[in-house]
């Protein structure tokens, strides 16, 4: 008579992590208006809520969305363009929050494709319809945090970095420029890329007269202690990658009330300040 296999108790799912965030945007020391915009919101099947600049919550019952957009164009059309980008996100994501968790991984490419196409179409239409909006465009880097994964979409030269709890800082997105391509090929060093005369010439952006856009999409599993940084190009104009790593990894002094985003932005503006400067920092923590 065959013996029964040994009893194996069912595995207990890991408790959902907490998510902590901070965000800040600064006009810089040269520009007169701020064309950067950042977004922080949370949602479930019932509602979406805008978040403050600083906070902490749980991934147990809701998803979280963070984004940075850098507008471009004459007069104040760049500022308008980045606002259009984040406004579209708030109108399209409620549908995503209502989908079952099982379907998120399969459907996020469709959702992000629809979202980026809609923003691109809106900006092109305004650019063709109004003289003061001609050439209006925007970058967009968007992160969607669910219970176990982070989905991202990106167009332009705003950036998404990941700083693992144990490991080096990694840029997850690629700059949509020829200089960015040369940097990825190893042809240029970080120092050479930062001083290249065409470092700000984008090959792809939302609107800005581009006929098509092909967003960079990705998915990342995260762990307690991981940090993610979403930023505009003004931040990396003032801070080298090693400085980003150092500031994110080093705890602030005990008497400091500055958030991680504030420490990054203030240091970048002090070092450069030639452009609008924006940072959103997200950290995953054990509950």
Foldseek 3Di string as FASTA:
>chain_A
DDDDDDDDDDDDDAAFWKKWKAKDWDFFDADPDALKDKFKWKDALPDIDGDDRTDMDTLRGIKMKIKMKAKDAPDCLSNVLNVLLVVLCRVQCSVVRNDDPVCNVVCVVVSVVVSLVVSLVVLQVVLVPDVRSPLIFMWMWMWMGHRWKIKIKTWAAWWKWKDAQPDAIDTPDFHQDPLSVCVVVVNDDPVCLLPPPCNRPGPTTRHSPDPDHDIDIDMDTGDARMKMKTKGVLLCNQDPRVRLRVLVPDDDPPPDPDDSFRVSQVNSSVRPRNGIIMMMMMGIHHD
